[in-house]
Structure formats: C-alpha cells, structure tokens
C-alpha cells in the first residue's frame, strides 16, 4: 500500500544573513494554483485549531514564525504529525483531516488554499469524512 503522506513535507527557500532572513516560495513549485492566503497567529499553546477537512480544497501550510504541529489524518485513520519550523511547509490534500496544536507563543502559520472561501467546502465531523472516504 502506498504512503498517503509521501511528498507532503516541503521546504521553502530561506536565506539567512546577518541582517535577517528572506523566505521565498516560487508558485511554480506549489502543488496547486493558490486562490487564497490567510494566516493564524496569537494562538494559545493549549488550543487546537482547524479540526476539519475539505471536500476539494488543497492547502499548503507554511510556518512563518515560531513552531507548531500539524496533525494530518486520512479518512482511513492513518495519522502523521509534522512539527513545523520556519520555512517548513506541508501539502494538505482534500479529504485529509487537520488538527493544529502546540503553537509557540510567537507561532505564525500561513496557508495558501486552492479555493476561495466556501463554508460548504468544510467537513467538520471526522465520521462524515470516514464515510466519504469509504465511497
């Protein structure tokens, strides 16, 4: 059986010099054409964010500052945790559950999405995701 997490972890080009860091993402290197960008910051370390999946939206999660954990679970229940640090990115495909946890106090997570915002795109119940994945 193939690894559902193969190729998920991606590294941005981060150039650090004496006067700071410059991070670069070439859109030609992204696994989809981004349609939306948003970010999360000021998240309490004890808080869990996301806790959902998407029907058709791809997301590229990228750590912009600090650290956080992205826990990704397939509809079949296979799970992998990714500890993200500056420049680390993870490709989240549709029908994959996401929990974001363990933000450091300076943690900032940027997200590029393949679709404009649509509340109907969200799957907020893991059991519903399991049923969709079983089809």
N, C-alpha and C. Protein backbone atom coordinates (compact mmCIF):
# COMPACT_ATOMS: atom_id res chain seq x y z
N UNK A 1 0.85 -1.18 0.00
CA UNK A 1 0.00 0.00 0.00
C UNK A 1 0.90 1.24 0.00
N UNK A 2 0.51 2.26 -0.74
CA UNK A 2 1.34 3.46 -0.85
C UNK A 2 1.18 4.35 0.38
N UNK A 3 2.18 5.15 0.65
CA UNK A 3 2.20 6.05 1.80
C UNK A 3 1.37 7.30 1.47
N UNK A 4 0.25 7.52 2.15
CA UNK A 4 -0.59 8.69 1.85
C UNK A 4 0.07 10.02 2.22
N UNK A 5 1.20 9.96 2.92
CA UNK A 5 1.89 11.17 3.33
C UNK A 5 3.14 11.44 2.51
N UNK A 6 3.45 10.58 1.56
CA UNK A 6 4.65 10.76 0.72
C UNK A 6 4.56 12.08 -0.02
N UNK A 7 5.64 12.84 0.02
CA UNK A 7 5.69 14.10 -0.70
C UNK A 7 4.96 15.25 -0.04
N UNK A 8 4.47 15.07 1.18
CA UNK A 8 3.72 16.13 1.86
C UNK A 8 4.62 17.22 2.43
N UNK A 9 5.77 16.85 2.94
CA UNK A 9 6.66 17.82 3.57
C UNK A 9 7.49 18.53 2.50
N UNK A 10 7.45 19.87 2.54
CA UNK A 10 8.14 20.70 1.56
C UNK A 10 8.94 21.75 2.32
N UNK A 11 10.03 22.20 1.77
CA UNK A 11 10.85 23.23 2.43
C UNK A 11 10.91 24.47 1.54
N UNK A 12 10.62 25.62 2.11
CA UNK A 12 10.75 26.89 1.38
C UNK A 12 12.23 27.24 1.27
N UNK A 13 12.54 28.13 0.37
CA UNK A 13 13.90 28.65 0.25
C UNK A 13 14.04 29.77 1.29
N UNK A 14 14.84 29.54 2.32
CA UNK A 14 15.06 30.54 3.36
C UNK A 14 16.53 30.93 3.32
N UNK A 15 16.75 32.22 3.11
CA UNK A 15 18.11 32.76 3.05
C UNK A 15 18.32 33.63 4.30
N UNK A 16 19.26 33.22 5.15
CA UNK A 16 19.52 33.95 6.39
C UNK A 16 20.90 34.57 6.31
N UNK A 17 20.95 35.87 6.61
CA UNK A 17 22.21 36.60 6.64
C UNK A 17 22.26 37.38 7.94
N UNK A 18 23.28 38.20 8.12
CA UNK A 18 23.46 38.95 9.36
C UNK A 18 22.32 39.92 9.64
N UNK A 19 21.61 40.35 8.60
CA UNK A 19 20.55 41.34 8.78
C UNK A 19 19.14 40.75 8.70
N UNK A 20 19.02 39.43 8.83
CA UNK A 20 17.69 38.81 8.85
C UNK A 20 17.54 37.69 7.84
N UNK A 21 16.31 37.23 7.71
CA UNK A 21 16.00 36.11 6.81
C UNK A 21 15.04 36.54 5.72
N UNK A 22 15.18 35.93 4.56
CA UNK A 22 14.28 36.13 3.43
C UNK A 22 13.76 34.75 3.03
N UNK A 23 12.45 34.58 3.08
CA UNK A 23 11.83 33.32 2.67
C UNK A 23 11.17 33.49 1.32
N UNK A 24 11.34 32.49 0.45
CA UNK A 24 10.81 32.58 -0.91
C UNK A 24 10.06 31.30 -1.25
N UNK A 25 8.87 31.45 -1.81
CA UNK A 25 8.11 30.34 -2.38
C UNK A 25 7.81 30.69 -3.83
N UNK A 26 8.32 29.91 -4.75
CA UNK A 26 8.01 30.09 -6.16
C UNK A 26 6.70 29.37 -6.44
N UNK A 27 5.70 30.08 -6.98
CA UNK A 27 4.41 29.44 -7.22
C UNK A 27 4.51 28.28 -8.20
N UNK A 28 5.53 28.27 -9.04
CA UNK A 28 5.73 27.14 -9.93
C UNK A 28 6.06 25.87 -9.14
N UNK A 29 6.53 26.04 -7.89
CA UNK A 29 6.88 24.90 -7.04
C UNK A 29 5.71 24.40 -6.19
N UNK A 30 4.59 25.12 -6.18
CA UNK A 30 3.46 24.71 -5.35
C UNK A 30 2.67 23.61 -6.07
N UNK A 31 2.05 22.70 -5.31
CA UNK A 31 1.34 21.58 -5.92
C UNK A 31 -0.03 21.95 -6.50
N UNK A 32 -0.41 23.23 -6.42
CA UNK A 32 -1.69 23.71 -6.96
C UNK A 32 -1.59 25.21 -7.18
N UNK A 33 -2.54 25.79 -7.89
CA UNK A 33 -2.59 27.23 -8.13
C UNK A 33 -3.31 27.90 -6.96
N UNK A 34 -2.61 28.67 -6.12
CA UNK A 34 -3.26 29.30 -4.96
C UNK A 34 -4.33 30.31 -5.39
N UNK A 35 -5.46 30.29 -4.65
CA UNK A 35 -6.56 31.23 -4.86
C UNK A 35 -6.79 32.12 -3.64
N UNK A 36 -6.20 31.72 -2.52
CA UNK A 36 -6.45 32.43 -1.26
C UNK A 36 -5.27 32.23 -0.34
N UNK A 37 -4.98 33.25 0.48
CA UNK A 37 -3.94 33.16 1.50
C UNK A 37 -4.50 33.70 2.80
N UNK A 38 -4.24 32.99 3.91
CA UNK A 38 -4.60 33.50 5.23
C UNK A 38 -3.55 33.04 6.23
N UNK A 39 -3.57 33.59 7.44
CA UNK A 39 -2.61 33.19 8.45
C UNK A 39 -3.27 33.15 9.82
N UNK A 40 -2.64 32.36 10.70
CA UNK A 40 -3.05 32.24 12.10
C UNK A 40 -1.89 32.71 12.96
N UNK A 41 -2.19 33.50 13.97
CA UNK A 41 -1.16 33.96 14.91
C UNK A 41 -1.81 34.20 16.26
N UNK A 42 -0.98 34.33 17.29
CA UNK A 42 -1.50 34.58 18.63
C UNK A 42 -2.31 33.41 19.19
N UNK A 43 -1.98 32.20 18.77
CA UNK A 43 -2.72 31.01 19.21
C UNK A 43 -2.13 30.51 20.53
N UNK A 44 -2.99 30.31 21.50
CA UNK A 44 -2.56 29.78 22.79
C UNK A 44 -1.99 28.37 22.60
N UNK A 45 -0.85 28.06 23.24
CA UNK A 45 -0.23 26.74 23.07
C UNK A 45 -1.14 25.56 23.42
N UNK A 46 -2.15 25.78 24.26
CA UNK A 46 -3.07 24.70 24.67
C UNK A 46 -4.27 24.57 23.74
N UNK A 47 -4.38 25.43 22.73
CA UNK A 47 -5.54 25.45 21.84
C UNK A 47 -5.31 24.54 20.63
N UNK A 48 -6.38 23.88 20.21
CA UNK A 48 -6.37 23.13 18.95
C UNK A 48 -7.18 23.92 17.93
N UNK A 49 -6.57 24.16 16.77
CA UNK A 49 -7.26 24.87 15.69
C UNK A 49 -7.50 23.91 14.53
N UNK A 50 -8.32 24.34 13.60
CA UNK A 50 -8.70 23.61 12.39
C UNK A 50 -9.73 22.54 12.76
N UNK A 51 -9.31 21.30 13.00
CA UNK A 51 -10.22 20.18 13.28
C UNK A 51 -11.30 20.06 12.22
N UNK A 52 -10.83 19.97 10.98
CA UNK A 52 -11.73 19.79 9.85
C UNK A 52 -10.95 19.26 8.64
N UNK A 53 -11.70 18.93 7.61
CA UNK A 53 -11.14 18.55 6.31
C UNK A 53 -11.88 19.36 5.26
N UNK A 54 -11.46 19.24 4.01
CA UNK A 54 -12.12 19.92 2.90
C UNK A 54 -12.51 18.90 1.83
N UNK A 55 -13.59 19.19 1.13
CA UNK A 55 -14.04 18.32 0.04
C UNK A 55 -13.07 18.35 -1.14
N UNK A 56 -12.73 19.56 -1.62
CA UNK A 56 -11.88 19.64 -2.82
C UNK A 56 -10.71 20.61 -2.68
N UNK A 57 -10.63 21.34 -1.59
CA UNK A 57 -9.59 22.35 -1.41
C UNK A 57 -8.26 21.72 -1.00
N UNK A 58 -7.20 22.07 -1.71
CA UNK A 58 -5.83 21.76 -1.32
C UNK A 58 -5.33 22.93 -0.48
N UNK A 59 -4.45 22.67 0.49
CA UNK A 59 -3.84 23.73 1.27
C UNK A 59 -2.35 23.47 1.39
N UNK A 60 -1.60 24.56 1.39
CA UNK A 60 -0.17 24.49 1.65
C UNK A 60 0.05 25.24 2.95
N UNK A 61 0.33 24.49 4.03
CA UNK A 61 0.56 25.06 5.36
C UNK A 61 2.03 25.43 5.45
N UNK A 62 2.32 26.65 5.90
CA UNK A 62 3.72 27.08 5.99
C UNK A 62 3.98 27.83 7.29
N UNK A 63 5.03 27.42 7.98
CA UNK A 63 5.41 28.09 9.21
C UNK A 63 6.16 29.37 8.86
N UNK A 64 5.60 30.51 9.29
CA UNK A 64 6.21 31.82 9.03
C UNK A 64 7.02 32.33 10.22
N UNK A 65 6.73 31.79 11.41
CA UNK A 65 7.48 32.16 12.62
C UNK A 65 7.16 31.15 13.70
N UNK A 66 8.08 30.99 14.66
CA UNK A 66 7.85 30.08 15.77
C UNK A 66 7.76 28.63 15.31
N UNK A 67 6.92 27.87 16.01
CA UNK A 67 6.72 26.46 15.70
C UNK A 67 5.28 26.08 16.00
N UNK A 68 4.81 25.01 15.36
CA UNK A 68 3.50 24.44 15.61
C UNK A 68 3.48 23.02 15.07
N UNK A 69 2.47 22.24 15.47
CA UNK A 69 2.33 20.88 14.99
C UNK A 69 1.08 20.77 14.13
N UNK A 70 1.24 20.20 12.95
CA UNK A 70 0.12 19.89 12.06
C UNK A 70 -0.07 18.38 12.09
N UNK A 71 -1.19 17.94 12.62
CA UNK A 71 -1.52 16.52 12.67
C UNK A 71 -2.52 16.24 11.55
N UNK A 72 -2.13 15.37 10.64
CA UNK A 72 -2.95 15.07 9.47
C UNK A 72 -3.40 13.62 9.55
N UNK A 73 -4.70 13.40 9.36
CA UNK A 73 -5.27 12.07 9.43
C UNK A 73 -6.07 11.80 8.16
N UNK A 74 -5.84 10.64 7.55
CA UNK A 74 -6.59 10.25 6.36
C UNK A 74 -7.97 9.75 6.78
N UNK A 75 -8.87 9.64 5.81
CA UNK A 75 -10.21 9.11 6.08
C UNK A 75 -10.14 7.68 6.61
N UNK A 76 -9.06 6.96 6.27
CA UNK A 76 -8.87 5.58 6.75
C UNK A 76 -8.29 5.54 8.16
N UNK A 77 -7.95 6.69 8.73
CA UNK A 77 -7.45 6.75 10.09
C UNK A 77 -5.94 6.75 10.23
N UNK A 78 -5.20 6.77 9.12
CA UNK A 78 -3.74 6.86 9.19
C UNK A 78 -3.37 8.29 9.57
N UNK A 79 -2.45 8.42 10.54
CA UNK A 79 -2.13 9.75 11.06
C UNK A 79 -0.64 9.99 11.06
N UNK A 80 -0.26 11.24 10.77
CA UNK A 80 1.14 11.65 10.87
C UNK A 80 1.18 13.07 11.42
N UNK A 81 2.12 13.30 12.35
CA UNK A 81 2.34 14.64 12.90
C UNK A 81 3.55 15.26 12.23
N UNK A 82 3.43 16.53 11.88
CA UNK A 82 4.52 17.30 11.29
C UNK A 82 4.80 18.47 12.22
N UNK A 83 6.02 18.53 12.78
CA UNK A 83 6.42 19.68 13.60
C UNK A 83 7.00 20.71 12.65
N UNK A 84 6.34 21.84 12.52
CA UNK A 84 6.73 22.86 11.56
C UNK A 84 7.56 23.95 12.22
N UNK A 85 8.66 24.29 11.57
CA UNK A 85 9.54 25.39 11.98
C UNK A 85 9.69 26.32 10.79
N UNK A 86 10.28 27.47 10.99
CA UNK A 86 10.43 28.48 9.94
C UNK A 86 10.84 27.85 8.61
N UNK A 87 10.03 28.07 7.60
CA UNK A 87 10.33 27.58 6.25
C UNK A 87 9.76 26.21 5.94
N UNK A 88 9.26 25.49 6.96
CA UNK A 88 8.67 24.18 6.71
C UNK A 88 7.26 24.34 6.17
N UNK A 89 6.91 23.48 5.22
CA UNK A 89 5.57 23.50 4.63
C UNK A 89 5.05 22.07 4.52
N UNK A 90 3.73 21.94 4.56
CA UNK A 90 3.08 20.64 4.38
C UNK A 90 1.92 20.84 3.41
N UNK A 91 1.84 19.95 2.42
CA UNK A 91 0.72 19.96 1.46
C UNK A 91 -0.41 19.11 2.04
N UNK A 92 -1.55 19.73 2.23
CA UNK A 92 -2.74 19.06 2.74
C UNK A 92 -3.70 18.88 1.57
N UNK A 93 -3.92 17.64 1.19
CA UNK A 93 -4.84 17.34 0.08
C UNK A 93 -6.28 17.31 0.58
N UNK A 94 -7.23 17.37 -0.35
CA UNK A 94 -8.64 17.22 0.05
C UNK A 94 -8.86 15.90 0.78
N UNK A 95 -9.88 15.87 1.61
CA UNK A 95 -10.29 14.69 2.36
C UNK A 95 -9.21 14.20 3.33
N UNK A 96 -8.42 15.14 3.85
CA UNK A 96 -7.46 14.83 4.91
C UNK A 96 -7.76 15.74 6.10
N UNK A 97 -7.95 15.15 7.25
CA UNK A 97 -8.31 15.87 8.48
C UNK A 97 -7.08 16.59 9.03
N UNK A 98 -7.28 17.82 9.51
CA UNK A 98 -6.19 18.62 10.05
C UNK A 98 -6.50 19.09 11.46
N UNK A 99 -5.56 18.86 12.36
CA UNK A 99 -5.57 19.47 13.70
C UNK A 99 -4.26 20.23 13.85
N UNK A 100 -4.34 21.47 14.29
CA UNK A 100 -3.16 22.31 14.54
C UNK A 100 -3.02 22.51 16.04
N UNK A 101 -1.84 22.16 16.58
CA UNK A 101 -1.64 22.22 18.02
C UNK A 101 -0.23 22.70 18.35
N UNK A 102 0.01 22.87 19.62
CA UNK A 102 1.34 23.16 20.17
C UNK A 102 2.03 24.35 19.49
N UNK A 103 1.28 25.43 19.31
CA UNK A 103 1.88 26.66 18.79
C UNK A 103 2.79 27.24 19.86
N UNK A 104 3.96 27.71 19.45
CA UNK A 104 4.76 28.52 20.36
C UNK A 104 4.11 29.89 20.41
N UNK A 105 4.42 30.69 21.43
CA UNK A 105 3.75 31.98 21.59
C UNK A 105 4.01 32.91 20.41
N UNK A 106 5.11 32.71 19.68
CA UNK A 106 5.41 33.53 18.51
C UNK A 106 5.03 32.84 17.20
N UNK A 107 4.31 31.73 17.29
CA UNK A 107 3.98 30.94 16.10
C UNK A 107 3.04 31.67 15.14
N UNK A 108 3.40 31.65 13.87
CA UNK A 108 2.56 32.19 12.80
C UNK A 108 2.51 31.14 11.69
N UNK A 109 1.29 30.72 11.35
CA UNK A 109 1.10 29.74 10.29
C UNK A 109 0.40 30.42 9.12
N UNK A 110 1.02 30.39 7.95
CA UNK A 110 0.41 30.90 6.74
C UNK A 110 -0.18 29.73 5.96
N UNK A 111 -1.29 29.99 5.26
CA UNK A 111 -1.94 28.93 4.50
C UNK A 111 -2.33 29.46 3.12
N UNK A 112 -1.85 28.77 2.08
CA UNK A 112 -2.32 29.03 0.71
C UNK A 112 -3.36 27.97 0.40
N UNK A 113 -4.48 28.39 -0.15
CA UNK A 113 -5.57 27.47 -0.46
C UNK A 113 -5.89 27.51 -1.95
N UNK A 114 -6.30 26.36 -2.47
CA UNK A 114 -6.59 26.25 -3.90
C UNK A 114 -7.97 26.78 -4.26
N UNK A 115 -8.80 27.07 -3.26
CA UNK A 115 -10.18 27.50 -3.50
C UNK A 115 -10.50 28.76 -2.70
N UNK A 116 -11.38 29.62 -3.22
CA UNK A 116 -11.88 30.73 -2.41
C UNK A 116 -12.65 30.18 -1.21
N UNK A 117 -12.84 31.00 -0.19
CA UNK A 117 -13.57 30.56 1.00
C UNK A 117 -15.00 30.16 0.64
N UNK A 118 -15.42 29.00 1.15
CA UNK A 118 -16.78 28.49 0.95
C UNK A 118 -17.12 27.64 2.17
N UNK A 119 -18.06 28.08 3.00
CA UNK A 119 -18.40 27.31 4.21
C UNK A 119 -18.86 25.89 3.89
N UNK A 120 -19.47 25.67 2.73
CA UNK A 120 -19.94 24.34 2.35
C UNK A 120 -18.81 23.38 1.98
N UNK A 121 -17.61 23.90 1.85
CA UNK A 121 -16.43 23.11 1.50
C UNK A 121 -15.88 22.33 2.69
N UNK A 122 -16.26 22.73 3.90
CA UNK A 122 -15.70 22.16 5.12
C UNK A 122 -16.40 20.87 5.53
N UNK A 123 -15.62 19.92 6.03
CA UNK A 123 -16.12 18.70 6.67
C UNK A 123 -15.71 18.82 8.13
N UNK A 124 -16.68 19.06 9.02
CA UNK A 124 -16.39 19.33 10.42
C UNK A 124 -16.59 18.14 11.35
N UNK A 125 -16.93 17.00 10.79
CA UNK A 125 -17.16 15.79 11.58
C UNK A 125 -16.31 14.68 10.99
N UNK A 126 -15.39 14.12 11.81
CA UNK A 126 -14.49 13.10 11.30
C UNK A 126 -15.24 11.87 10.80
N UNK A 127 -16.35 11.53 11.43
CA UNK A 127 -17.13 10.37 10.98
C UNK A 127 -17.68 10.60 9.57
N UNK A 128 -18.08 11.83 9.29
CA UNK A 128 -18.53 12.16 7.91
C UNK A 128 -17.38 11.97 6.93
N UNK A 129 -16.17 12.39 7.32
CA UNK A 129 -15.00 12.20 6.45
C UNK A 129 -14.76 10.71 6.21
N UNK A 130 -14.86 9.89 7.24
CA UNK A 130 -14.67 8.44 7.09
C UNK A 130 -15.68 7.86 6.10
N UNK A 131 -16.92 8.30 6.19
CA UNK A 131 -17.96 7.80 5.28
C UNK A 131 -17.69 8.22 3.85
N UNK A 132 -17.26 9.47 3.64
CA UNK A 132 -16.94 9.95 2.30
C UNK A 132 -15.75 9.18 1.75
N UNK A 133 -14.74 8.94 2.58
CA UNK A 133 -13.54 8.22 2.16
C UNK A 133 -13.81 6.76 1.84
N UNK A 134 -14.86 6.19 2.43
CA UNK A 134 -15.19 4.78 2.19
C UNK A 134 -15.93 4.58 0.87
N UNK A 135 -16.38 5.64 0.26
CA UNK A 135 -17.14 5.53 -1.00
C UNK A 135 -16.25 5.18 -2.15
